[in-house]
Structure formats: structure tokens, C-alpha cells
Amino acid sequence: MITLYHSPSDFVPIMELFSFTSSTAILCLVSVIVGVIPLWAVKMVYTLWLRPKRFEKLLRAQGLRGDPYSLLFTSNQNPAPQNNPQSQSFIVSDDVAPRLSLGPNNTVAKYGKHSFFWEGTTPKVIITDPNQIKEVFNNIHDFQKQKISGIAKFLVSGLINSEGDKWAQHRKIINPGRQ
């Protein structure tokens, strides 16, 4: 039989072994804060500035043009002014693409068909060349779709939300002539 103490005078209550004074607790809290806040700040600087600027540099090296990244909203994301004819009502036969996608439409008008625009910290590349579009659709494992979050995940299904082999199966059902 193993005994933890020899006599009652050797017994030390567990609470005394693990008792913290208020200064020790404050010191532990300050140590955690001093360790966590710089890591969080570095992560935020990387996410909000360094990563988007690196993407911008890579896109420009590939010959794409677009507005430079900034932390504030750019002019492409602002709504059309009220006196603009585009903001007035339209009939169904009108071209609605410029009204539905103001950012991409303004970017193409300003920089041409080989360009990119920003949605938050993510650059969006505009692809208009049919061969490049075909390459994106054929390489389904190389070009991943943006993840749908929130309630849209439950409301959207089918080709829009599918990935990989399931996407290819849905695509064949929609376009049976493509084998």
C-alpha cells in the first residue's frame, strides 16, 4: 500500500498547493495578453494588407490590370448616382448585366477584358477569353469555388454549390451533348 503522507502533520491541503494570489493571477493574465495581442495584430496586418498586396503584385505580373488594393471601398463598389440613366427603371429587353454587376462592368470598361477587381480582401479575375473559360471549366480540381456560408448553404443546391465529381455529374445532366 502506498501512502502519500506519513503523519497528519505532513498533510498539505490541495487548495494550498494550487492557491494563487491576486498578483500571480494578474501576472498570468498579462502574460497571456502580451503573447496573444501581437500574434493577433500580425495576423490582421497579413490578412488585411500583406496578402492582398502580394496577390495584386502576382496578378500584375501576369499582365492583368485593375484598381490598386486599398482598405477602403473603391469607386467600383459604390452604387450608381440617382441622376444616372442606369439607376432608372428598365424594361426586360434591356441589357441588365451592367446594372447587376456594377463593379466588374466598370472594371472592364476602365481596364479592358484582362483585368481584376476587389471584393473585400479577395481579388476577382475577369475571364472573357473562351479558351480560358473552357480551361477553368475543364480543370474542376484546380479552380475551386468560393464556399457558400450561412443560410444560403441550405437554400442553394445543384451546379452552383457542387464541387469536383458531383459538379461534373450535374454538368453532364444539364448539357447532355458534352461527353
N, C-alpha and C. Protein backbone atom coordinates (compact mmCIF):
# COMPACT_ATOMS: atom_id res chain seq x y z
N MET A 1 0.83 -1.18 0.00
CA MET A 1 0.00 0.00 0.00
C MET A 1 0.87 1.24 0.00
N ILE A 2 0.50 2.22 -0.85
CA ILE A 2 1.27 3.45 -0.97
C ILE A 2 0.57 4.53 -0.18
N THR A 3 1.34 5.22 0.63
CA THR A 3 0.78 6.34 1.39
C THR A 3 1.36 7.63 0.87
N LEU A 4 0.56 8.66 0.83
CA LEU A 4 1.01 9.95 0.34
C LEU A 4 1.65 10.80 1.43
N TYR A 5 1.37 10.49 2.71
CA TYR A 5 1.96 11.23 3.81
C TYR A 5 2.17 10.26 4.96
N HIS A 6 3.11 10.60 5.82
CA HIS A 6 3.43 9.71 6.93
C HIS A 6 2.64 10.02 8.18
N SER A 7 2.41 11.25 8.42
CA SER A 7 1.69 11.63 9.63
C SER A 7 0.75 12.78 9.29
N PRO A 8 -0.23 13.06 10.15
CA PRO A 8 -1.16 14.15 9.88
C PRO A 8 -0.47 15.50 9.73
N SER A 9 0.68 15.69 10.34
CA SER A 9 1.36 16.98 10.22
C SER A 9 1.99 17.16 8.83
N ASP A 10 2.26 16.05 8.11
CA ASP A 10 2.81 16.13 6.75
C ASP A 10 1.74 16.44 5.70
N PHE A 11 0.49 16.34 6.03
CA PHE A 11 -0.60 16.54 5.09
C PHE A 11 -0.71 18.02 4.70
N VAL A 12 -0.68 18.28 3.40
CA VAL A 12 -0.84 19.64 2.90
C VAL A 12 -2.13 19.66 2.08
N PRO A 13 -3.08 20.48 2.43
CA PRO A 13 -4.32 20.51 1.65
C PRO A 13 -4.04 20.89 0.19
N ILE A 14 -4.84 20.30 -0.69
CA ILE A 14 -4.70 20.53 -2.12
C ILE A 14 -4.87 22.01 -2.44
N MET A 15 -5.76 22.70 -1.79
CA MET A 15 -6.02 24.11 -2.08
C MET A 15 -4.78 24.96 -1.84
N GLU A 16 -3.93 24.60 -0.85
CA GLU A 16 -2.73 25.37 -0.59
C GLU A 16 -1.69 25.16 -1.69
N LEU A 17 -1.67 23.97 -2.29
CA LEU A 17 -0.71 23.71 -3.37
C LEU A 17 -1.02 24.55 -4.60
N PHE A 18 -2.30 24.75 -4.88
CA PHE A 18 -2.71 25.45 -6.08
C PHE A 18 -3.30 26.83 -5.81
N SER A 19 -3.02 27.40 -4.69
CA SER A 19 -3.59 28.72 -4.39
C SER A 19 -2.81 29.80 -5.12
N PHE A 20 -3.53 30.71 -5.72
CA PHE A 20 -2.95 31.83 -6.45
C PHE A 20 -3.24 33.09 -5.67
N THR A 21 -2.26 33.92 -5.61
CA THR A 21 -2.51 35.24 -5.06
C THR A 21 -3.03 36.11 -6.20
N SER A 22 -3.57 37.24 -5.88
CA SER A 22 -4.11 38.11 -6.93
C SER A 22 -3.00 38.62 -7.84
N SER A 23 -1.81 38.83 -7.31
CA SER A 23 -0.71 39.30 -8.17
C SER A 23 -0.27 38.21 -9.14
N THR A 24 -0.31 36.96 -8.74
CA THR A 24 0.04 35.86 -9.63
C THR A 24 -0.99 35.73 -10.74
N ALA A 25 -2.27 35.87 -10.41
CA ALA A 25 -3.33 35.79 -11.42
C ALA A 25 -3.20 36.94 -12.42
N ILE A 26 -2.92 38.12 -11.93
CA ILE A 26 -2.76 39.27 -12.82
C ILE A 26 -1.54 39.08 -13.71
N LEU A 27 -0.47 38.55 -13.16
CA LEU A 27 0.74 38.30 -13.95
C LEU A 27 0.46 37.28 -15.06
N CYS A 28 -0.30 36.23 -14.76
CA CYS A 28 -0.67 35.24 -15.77
C CYS A 28 -1.54 35.86 -16.85
N LEU A 29 -2.50 36.67 -16.46
CA LEU A 29 -3.38 37.34 -17.42
C LEU A 29 -2.60 38.29 -18.32
N VAL A 30 -1.71 39.06 -17.75
CA VAL A 30 -0.90 39.99 -18.54
C VAL A 30 0.01 39.22 -19.50
N SER A 31 0.56 38.11 -19.06
CA SER A 31 1.42 37.29 -19.93
C SER A 31 0.65 36.76 -21.13
N VAL A 32 -0.57 36.31 -20.90
CA VAL A 32 -1.40 35.82 -21.99
C VAL A 32 -1.74 36.95 -22.95
N ILE A 33 -2.10 38.09 -22.42
CA ILE A 33 -2.45 39.24 -23.27
C ILE A 33 -1.24 39.70 -24.07
N VAL A 34 -0.08 39.78 -23.45
CA VAL A 34 1.14 40.21 -24.14
C VAL A 34 1.52 39.21 -25.23
N GLY A 35 1.21 37.95 -25.05
CA GLY A 35 1.51 36.94 -26.06
C GLY A 35 0.48 36.87 -27.17
N VAL A 36 -0.79 37.09 -26.86
CA VAL A 36 -1.87 36.91 -27.84
C VAL A 36 -2.07 38.14 -28.71
N ILE A 37 -2.03 39.32 -28.15
CA ILE A 37 -2.33 40.53 -28.91
C ILE A 37 -1.33 40.76 -30.06
N PRO A 38 -0.02 40.60 -29.86
CA PRO A 38 0.88 40.76 -31.02
C PRO A 38 0.64 39.72 -32.12
N LEU A 39 0.33 38.49 -31.74
CA LEU A 39 0.03 37.47 -32.74
C LEU A 39 -1.23 37.84 -33.53
N TRP A 40 -2.24 38.31 -32.83
CA TRP A 40 -3.48 38.74 -33.50
C TRP A 40 -3.20 39.93 -34.41
N ALA A 41 -2.39 40.88 -33.95
CA ALA A 41 -2.08 42.06 -34.76
C ALA A 41 -1.31 41.67 -36.02
N VAL A 42 -0.37 40.76 -35.91
CA VAL A 42 0.39 40.30 -37.08
C VAL A 42 -0.55 39.60 -38.06
N LYS A 43 -1.46 38.79 -37.55
CA LYS A 43 -2.41 38.09 -38.42
C LYS A 43 -3.31 39.09 -39.15
N MET A 44 -3.77 40.13 -38.46
CA MET A 44 -4.63 41.13 -39.09
C MET A 44 -3.88 41.91 -40.16
N VAL A 45 -2.62 42.29 -39.88
CA VAL A 45 -1.83 43.01 -40.87
C VAL A 45 -1.63 42.14 -42.10
N TYR A 46 -1.34 40.86 -41.88
CA TYR A 46 -1.16 39.94 -43.01
C TYR A 46 -2.46 39.80 -43.80
N THR A 47 -3.58 39.58 -43.11
CA THR A 47 -4.86 39.35 -43.78
C THR A 47 -5.38 40.60 -44.49
N LEU A 48 -5.25 41.75 -43.86
CA LEU A 48 -5.84 42.98 -44.40
C LEU A 48 -4.92 43.76 -45.33
N TRP A 49 -3.60 43.51 -45.29
CA TRP A 49 -2.72 44.31 -46.14
C TRP A 49 -1.70 43.48 -46.94
N LEU A 50 -0.90 42.66 -46.27
CA LEU A 50 0.20 41.98 -46.95
C LEU A 50 -0.28 40.95 -47.98
N ARG A 51 -1.24 40.14 -47.62
CA ARG A 51 -1.75 39.11 -48.54
C ARG A 51 -2.41 39.73 -49.77
N PRO A 52 -3.33 40.71 -49.62
CA PRO A 52 -3.91 41.33 -50.82
C PRO A 52 -2.87 42.03 -51.69
N LYS A 53 -1.89 42.68 -51.09
CA LYS A 53 -0.86 43.35 -51.88
C LYS A 53 0.00 42.32 -52.64
N ARG A 54 0.25 41.16 -52.03
CA ARG A 54 1.00 40.10 -52.71
C ARG A 54 0.20 39.58 -53.89
N PHE A 55 -1.12 39.36 -53.70
CA PHE A 55 -1.99 38.93 -54.81
C PHE A 55 -1.99 39.96 -55.93
N GLU A 56 -2.06 41.23 -55.56
CA GLU A 56 -2.07 42.29 -56.57
C GLU A 56 -0.78 42.26 -57.39
N LYS A 57 0.34 42.09 -56.73
CA LYS A 57 1.64 42.03 -57.42
C LYS A 57 1.68 40.83 -58.37
N LEU A 58 1.18 39.67 -57.93
CA LEU A 58 1.17 38.47 -58.79
C LEU A 58 0.24 38.66 -59.99
N LEU A 59 -0.91 39.27 -59.79
CA LEU A 59 -1.84 39.49 -60.89
C LEU A 59 -1.26 40.47 -61.91
N ARG A 60 -0.62 41.51 -61.43
CA ARG A 60 0.00 42.48 -62.35
C ARG A 60 1.16 41.84 -63.11
N ALA A 61 1.89 40.92 -62.47
CA ALA A 61 2.98 40.22 -63.15
C ALA A 61 2.46 39.33 -64.28
N GLN A 62 1.21 38.89 -64.18
CA GLN A 62 0.60 38.06 -65.22
C GLN A 62 -0.06 38.91 -66.32
N GLY A 63 0.05 40.22 -66.22
CA GLY A 63 -0.47 41.09 -67.26
C GLY A 63 -1.88 41.58 -67.03
N LEU A 64 -2.45 41.33 -65.88
CA LEU A 64 -3.80 41.80 -65.58
C LEU A 64 -3.73 43.21 -65.00
N ARG A 65 -4.75 43.99 -65.28
CA ARG A 65 -4.82 45.36 -64.78
C ARG A 65 -6.06 45.51 -63.91
N GLY A 66 -6.00 46.43 -62.97
CA GLY A 66 -7.14 46.69 -62.10
C GLY A 66 -6.81 47.78 -61.10
N ASP A 67 -7.81 48.14 -60.32
CA ASP A 67 -7.60 49.16 -59.29
C ASP A 67 -6.65 48.62 -58.23
N PRO A 68 -5.77 49.47 -57.67
CA PRO A 68 -4.91 49.00 -56.59
C PRO A 68 -5.72 48.70 -55.34
N TYR A 69 -5.23 47.76 -54.55
CA TYR A 69 -5.93 47.39 -53.32
C TYR A 69 -5.85 48.53 -52.31
N SER A 70 -6.95 48.76 -51.63
CA SER A 70 -6.96 49.71 -50.51
C SER A 70 -7.90 49.17 -49.44
N LEU A 71 -7.70 49.60 -48.23
CA LEU A 71 -8.55 49.13 -47.13
C LEU A 71 -9.96 49.69 -47.21
N LEU A 72 -10.13 50.81 -47.91
CA LEU A 72 -11.44 51.43 -48.05
C LEU A 72 -12.12 50.94 -49.32
N PHE A 73 -13.42 51.16 -49.42
CA PHE A 73 -14.15 50.79 -50.63
C PHE A 73 -13.63 51.59 -51.80
N THR A 74 -13.59 50.96 -52.97
CA THR A 74 -13.15 51.65 -54.17
C THR A 74 -14.35 52.21 -54.91
N SER A 75 -14.08 53.00 -55.94
CA SER A 75 -15.16 53.62 -56.69
C SER A 75 -16.01 52.59 -57.43
N ASN A 76 -15.44 51.40 -57.72
CA ASN A 76 -16.21 50.37 -58.43
C ASN A 76 -17.36 49.83 -57.58
N GLN A 77 -17.22 49.90 -56.26
CA GLN A 77 -18.21 49.28 -55.40
C GLN A 77 -19.29 50.26 -54.96
N ASN A 78 -19.16 51.51 -55.32
CA ASN A 78 -20.17 52.49 -54.95
C ASN A 78 -21.38 52.37 -55.87
N PRO A 79 -22.58 52.57 -55.35
CA PRO A 79 -23.75 52.49 -56.22
C PRO A 79 -23.79 53.63 -57.22
N ALA A 80 -24.56 53.43 -58.28
CA ALA A 80 -24.69 54.46 -59.32
C ALA A 80 -25.43 55.67 -58.77
N PRO A 81 -25.07 56.87 -59.20
CA PRO A 81 -25.78 58.06 -58.74
C PRO A 81 -27.24 58.05 -59.24
N GLN A 82 -28.09 58.76 -58.55
CA GLN A 82 -29.51 58.74 -58.86
C GLN A 82 -29.83 59.40 -60.21
N ASN A 83 -29.00 60.37 -60.65
CA ASN A 83 -29.30 61.03 -61.92
C ASN A 83 -28.75 60.24 -63.11
N ASN A 84 -28.07 59.14 -62.87
CA ASN A 84 -27.54 58.29 -63.93
C ASN A 84 -28.69 57.52 -64.57
N PRO A 85 -28.72 57.43 -65.91
CA PRO A 85 -29.80 56.68 -66.56
C PRO A 85 -29.81 55.20 -66.17
N GLN A 86 -28.66 54.67 -65.75
CA GLN A 86 -28.63 53.26 -65.35
C GLN A 86 -29.43 53.01 -64.08
N SER A 87 -29.59 54.03 -63.23
CA SER A 87 -30.31 53.84 -61.98
C SER A 87 -31.82 53.95 -62.16
N GLN A 88 -32.27 54.33 -63.36
CA GLN A 88 -33.70 54.45 -63.61
C GLN A 88 -34.26 53.08 -63.96
N SER A 89 -35.57 52.97 -64.00
CA SER A 89 -36.21 51.69 -64.30
C SER A 89 -35.86 51.25 -65.71
N PHE A 90 -35.96 49.96 -65.95
CA PHE A 90 -35.61 49.43 -67.26
C PHE A 90 -36.60 48.35 -67.64
N ILE A 91 -36.67 48.08 -68.92
CA ILE A 91 -37.55 47.03 -69.40
C ILE A 91 -36.75 45.74 -69.52
N VAL A 92 -37.44 44.63 -69.64
CA VAL A 92 -36.80 43.32 -69.63
C VAL A 92 -35.83 43.14 -70.80
N SER A 93 -36.09 43.77 -71.92
CA SER A 93 -35.21 43.59 -73.08
C SER A 93 -33.89 44.35 -72.95
N ASP A 94 -33.76 45.23 -71.96
CA ASP A 94 -32.52 45.97 -71.76
C ASP A 94 -31.41 45.03 -71.30
N ASP A 95 -30.17 45.47 -71.51
CA ASP A 95 -29.01 44.75 -71.02
C ASP A 95 -28.90 45.01 -69.52
N VAL A 96 -29.17 44.00 -68.70
CA VAL A 96 -29.20 44.19 -67.26
C VAL A 96 -27.86 43.90 -66.60
N ALA A 97 -26.90 43.32 -67.33
CA ALA A 97 -25.60 42.97 -66.75
C ALA A 97 -24.90 44.17 -66.12
N PRO A 98 -24.84 45.34 -66.77
CA PRO A 98 -24.17 46.48 -66.12
C PRO A 98 -24.86 46.93 -64.85
N ARG A 99 -26.15 46.71 -64.75
CA ARG A 99 -26.88 47.14 -63.55
C ARG A 99 -26.74 46.14 -62.41
N LEU A 100 -26.59 44.85 -62.74
CA LEU A 100 -26.48 43.83 -61.71
C LEU A 100 -25.06 43.68 -61.18
N SER A 101 -24.09 43.90 -62.03
CA SER A 101 -22.68 43.74 -61.63
C SER A 101 -21.93 45.03 -61.95
N LEU A 102 -22.12 46.03 -61.15
CA LEU A 102 -21.54 47.34 -61.39
C LEU A 102 -20.01 47.32 -61.29
N GLY A 103 -19.47 46.62 -60.28
CA GLY A 103 -18.02 46.56 -60.09
C GLY A 103 -17.30 45.93 -61.28
N PRO A 104 -17.65 44.70 -61.66
CA PRO A 104 -16.98 44.08 -62.81
C PRO A 104 -17.20 44.86 -64.11
N ASN A 105 -18.38 45.40 -64.32
CA ASN A 105 -18.66 46.15 -65.54
C ASN A 105 -17.80 47.41 -65.62
N ASN A 106 -17.67 48.14 -64.52
CA ASN A 106 -16.82 49.33 -64.51
C ASN A 106 -15.35 48.97 -64.71
N THR A 107 -14.92 47.85 -64.12
CA THR A 107 -13.53 47.42 -64.28
C THR A 107 -13.23 47.09 -65.73
N VAL A 108 -14.11 46.37 -66.41
CA VAL A 108 -13.90 46.02 -67.82
C VAL A 108 -13.90 47.30 -68.66
N ALA A 109 -14.78 48.24 -68.37
CA ALA A 109 -14.83 49.49 -69.13
C ALA A 109 -13.55 50.31 -68.92
N LYS A 110 -12.99 50.26 -67.72
CA LYS A 110 -11.83 51.08 -67.38
C LYS A 110 -10.51 50.42 -67.79
N TYR A 111 -10.36 49.08 -67.56
CA TYR A 111 -9.09 48.41 -67.76
C TYR A 111 -9.06 47.39 -68.90
N GLY A 112 -10.19 47.10 -69.47
CA GLY A 112 -10.22 46.12 -70.56
C GLY A 112 -10.62 44.74 -70.07
N LYS A 113 -10.59 43.78 -71.01
CA LYS A 113 -11.08 42.43 -70.71
C LYS A 113 -10.13 41.61 -69.85
N HIS A 114 -8.86 41.95 -69.80
CA HIS A 114 -7.89 41.24 -68.97
C HIS A 114 -7.64 42.06 -67.72
N SER A 115 -8.54 41.93 -66.74
CA SER A 115 -8.47 42.78 -65.56
C SER A 115 -8.96 42.04 -64.33
N PHE A 116 -8.88 42.71 -63.19
CA PHE A 116 -9.35 42.17 -61.92
C PHE A 116 -9.96 43.29 -61.10
N PHE A 117 -10.80 42.91 -60.14
CA PHE A 117 -11.38 43.88 -59.21
C PHE A 117 -11.36 43.27 -57.82
N TRP A 118 -11.66 44.06 -56.82
CA TRP A 118 -11.56 43.62 -55.43
C TRP A 118 -12.94 43.46 -54.80
N GLU A 119 -13.14 42.36 -54.12
CA GLU A 119 -14.29 42.16 -53.22
C GLU A 119 -13.71 41.96 -51.84
N GLY A 120 -13.66 43.03 -51.09
CA GLY A 120 -13.02 42.97 -49.78
C GLY A 120 -11.52 42.79 -49.96
N THR A 121 -10.97 41.73 -49.38
CA THR A 121 -9.54 41.46 -49.49
C THR A 121 -9.24 40.42 -50.57
N THR A 122 -10.25 40.03 -51.33
CA THR A 122 -10.08 38.99 -52.34
C THR A 122 -10.15 39.58 -53.74
N PRO A 123 -9.12 39.34 -54.56
CA PRO A 123 -9.19 39.80 -55.94
C PRO A 123 -10.05 38.85 -56.77
N LYS A 124 -10.83 39.39 -57.66
CA LYS A 124 -11.66 38.60 -58.57
C LYS A 124 -11.18 38.87 -59.99
N VAL A 125 -10.78 37.82 -60.69
CA VAL A 125 -10.25 37.94 -62.05
C VAL A 125 -11.40 37.83 -63.04
N ILE A 126 -11.41 38.70 -64.02
CA ILE A 126 -12.43 38.68 -65.07
C ILE A 126 -11.87 37.90 -66.24
N ILE A 127 -12.57 36.83 -66.60
CA ILE A 127 -12.14 35.98 -67.70
C ILE A 127 -13.16 36.12 -68.83
N THR A 128 -12.70 36.57 -70.01
CA THR A 128 -13.59 36.72 -71.16
C THR A 128 -13.14 35.91 -72.36
N ASP A 129 -11.93 35.40 -72.35
CA ASP A 129 -11.43 34.60 -73.46
C ASP A 129 -12.08 33.21 -73.40
N PRO A 130 -12.74 32.76 -74.48
CA PRO A 130 -13.42 31.46 -74.45
C PRO A 130 -12.49 30.29 -74.13
N ASN A 131 -11.24 30.34 -74.58
CA ASN A 131 -10.31 29.25 -74.29
C ASN A 131 -9.96 29.19 -72.80
N GLN A 132 -9.83 30.36 -72.16
CA GLN A 132 -9.56 30.40 -70.73
C GLN A 132 -10.77 29.93 -69.93
N ILE A 133 -11.96 30.30 -70.37
CA ILE A 133 -13.18 29.86 -69.70
C ILE A 133 -13.29 28.34 -69.80
N LYS A 134 -13.01 27.80 -70.97
CA LYS A 134 -13.05 26.35 -71.17
C LYS A 134 -12.04 25.66 -70.26
N GLU A 135 -10.85 26.24 -70.12
CA GLU A 135 -9.82 25.66 -69.26
C GLU A 135 -10.28 25.63 -67.80
N VAL A 136 -10.91 26.71 -67.35
CA VAL A 136 -11.41 26.76 -65.97
C VAL A 136 -12.48 25.69 -65.76
N PHE A 137 -13.41 25.55 -66.70
CA PHE A 137 -14.48 24.57 -66.54
C PHE A 137 -13.97 23.14 -66.65
N ASN A 138 -12.92 22.90 -67.42
CA ASN A 138 -12.40 21.54 -67.57
C ASN A 138 -11.48 21.14 -66.43
N ASN A 139 -10.84 22.07 -65.77
CA ASN A 139 -9.95 21.76 -64.64
C ASN A 139 -10.69 22.01 -63.33
N ILE A 140 -11.67 21.20 -63.06
CA ILE A 140 -12.54 21.44 -61.90
C ILE A 140 -11.81 21.25 -60.57
N HIS A 141 -10.72 20.49 -60.58
CA HIS A 141 -10.00 20.27 -59.32
C HIS A 141 -8.97 21.37 -59.04
N ASP A 142 -8.54 22.10 -60.07
CA ASP A 142 -7.56 23.17 -59.89
C ASP A 142 -8.20 24.49 -59.49
N PHE A 143 -9.40 24.75 -59.96
CA PHE A 143 -10.08 26.02 -59.70
C PHE A 143 -11.27 25.73 -58.77
N GLN A 144 -11.10 26.03 -57.49
CA GLN A 144 -12.13 25.75 -56.50
C GLN A 144 -13.12 26.92 -56.43
N LYS A 145 -14.36 26.58 -56.15
CA LYS A 145 -15.39 27.61 -55.99
C LYS A 145 -15.30 28.21 -54.60
N GLN A 146 -15.83 29.42 -54.51
CA GLN A 146 -15.90 30.07 -53.22
C GLN A 146 -16.94 29.35 -52.37
N LYS A 147 -16.64 29.15 -51.10
CA LYS A 147 -17.54 28.44 -50.19
C LYS A 147 -18.75 29.30 -49.87
N ILE A 148 -19.91 28.68 -49.89
CA ILE A 148 -21.16 29.35 -49.53
C ILE A 148 -21.38 29.16 -48.04
N SER A 149 -21.69 30.23 -47.34
CA SER A 149 -21.87 30.13 -45.90
C SER A 149 -23.26 30.61 -45.51
N GLY A 150 -23.58 30.38 -44.28
CA GLY A 150 -24.85 30.84 -43.74
C GLY A 150 -26.04 30.04 -44.25
N ILE A 151 -27.16 30.71 -44.34
CA ILE A 151 -28.40 30.05 -44.73
C ILE A 151 -28.42 29.71 -46.22
N ALA A 152 -27.60 30.39 -47.02
CA ALA A 152 -27.55 30.11 -48.46
C ALA A 152 -27.12 28.68 -48.72
N LYS A 153 -26.34 28.11 -47.83
CA LYS A 153 -25.89 26.74 -47.95
C LYS A 153 -27.09 25.77 -48.00
N PHE A 154 -28.13 26.09 -47.27
CA PHE A 154 -29.30 25.23 -47.23
C PHE A 154 -30.27 25.51 -48.37
N LEU A 155 -30.24 26.73 -48.89
CA LEU A 155 -31.16 27.12 -49.95
C LEU A 155 -30.63 26.82 -51.34
N VAL A 156 -29.31 26.78 -51.51
CA VAL A 156 -28.70 26.60 -52.82
C VAL A 156 -28.17 25.18 -52.93
N SER A 157 -28.55 24.52 -54.01
CA SER A 157 -28.02 23.19 -54.26
C SER A 157 -27.88 23.01 -55.76
N GLY A 158 -27.22 21.97 -56.16
CA GLY A 158 -27.06 21.70 -57.58
C GLY A 158 -25.72 22.17 -58.10
N LEU A 159 -25.70 22.67 -59.33
CA LEU A 159 -24.47 23.04 -60.01
C LEU A 159 -23.73 24.18 -59.32
N ILE A 160 -24.45 25.11 -58.75
CA ILE A 160 -23.82 26.27 -58.12
C ILE A 160 -23.02 25.86 -56.89
N ASN A 161 -23.53 24.95 -56.10
CA ASN A 161 -22.92 24.60 -54.83
C ASN A 161 -22.03 23.35 -54.93
N SER A 162 -22.09 22.61 -56.02
CA SER A 162 -21.36 21.35 -56.12
C SER A 162 -19.90 21.57 -56.46
N GLU A 163 -19.07 20.59 -56.10
CA GLU A 163 -17.64 20.62 -56.38
C GLU A 163 -17.22 19.27 -56.93
N GLY A 164 -16.10 19.24 -57.65
CA GLY A 164 -15.46 18.01 -58.08
C GLY A 164 -16.32 17.12 -58.96
N ASP A 165 -16.37 15.85 -58.60
CA ASP A 165 -17.09 14.86 -59.41
C ASP A 165 -18.60 15.09 -59.41
N LYS A 166 -19.12 15.55 -58.28
CA LYS A 166 -20.56 15.83 -58.22
C LYS A 166 -20.91 16.98 -59.18
N TRP A 167 -20.04 17.99 -59.28
CA TRP A 167 -20.24 19.09 -60.22
C TRP A 167 -20.22 18.57 -61.65
N ALA A 168 -19.25 17.70 -61.95
CA ALA A 168 -19.14 17.14 -63.30
C ALA A 168 -20.40 16.35 -63.67
N GLN A 169 -20.94 15.60 -62.71
CA GLN A 169 -22.16 14.83 -62.96
C GLN A 169 -23.34 15.76 -63.23
N HIS A 170 -23.49 16.81 -62.44
CA HIS A 170 -24.58 17.77 -62.67
C HIS A 170 -24.41 18.48 -64.01
N ARG A 171 -23.18 18.79 -64.36
CA ARG A 171 -22.89 19.48 -65.63
C ARG A 171 -23.27 18.59 -66.80
N LYS A 172 -23.01 17.28 -66.71
CA LYS A 172 -23.39 16.35 -67.79
C LYS A 172 -24.90 16.23 -67.92
N ILE A 173 -25.60 16.30 -66.80
CA ILE A 173 -27.07 16.23 -66.84
C ILE A 173 -27.63 17.47 -67.54
N ILE A 174 -27.06 18.65 -67.24
CA ILE A 174 -27.53 19.89 -67.84
C ILE A 174 -27.19 19.95 -69.32
N ASN A 175 -26.00 19.51 -69.68
CA ASN A 175 -25.54 19.58 -71.06
C ASN A 175 -25.24 18.17 -71.57
N PRO A 176 -26.24 17.43 -71.96
CA PRO A 176 -26.03 16.03 -72.34
C PRO A 176 -25.22 15.85 -73.62
N GLY A 177 -25.11 16.87 -74.48
CA GLY A 177 -24.33 16.76 -75.70
C GLY A 177 -22.83 16.73 -75.45
N ARG A 178 -22.40 17.16 -74.28
CA ARG A 178 -20.98 17.19 -73.94
C ARG A 178 -20.60 15.85 -73.34
N GLN A 179 -19.74 15.12 -73.96
CA GLN A 179 -19.31 13.83 -73.43
C GLN A 179 -17.90 13.90 -73.07
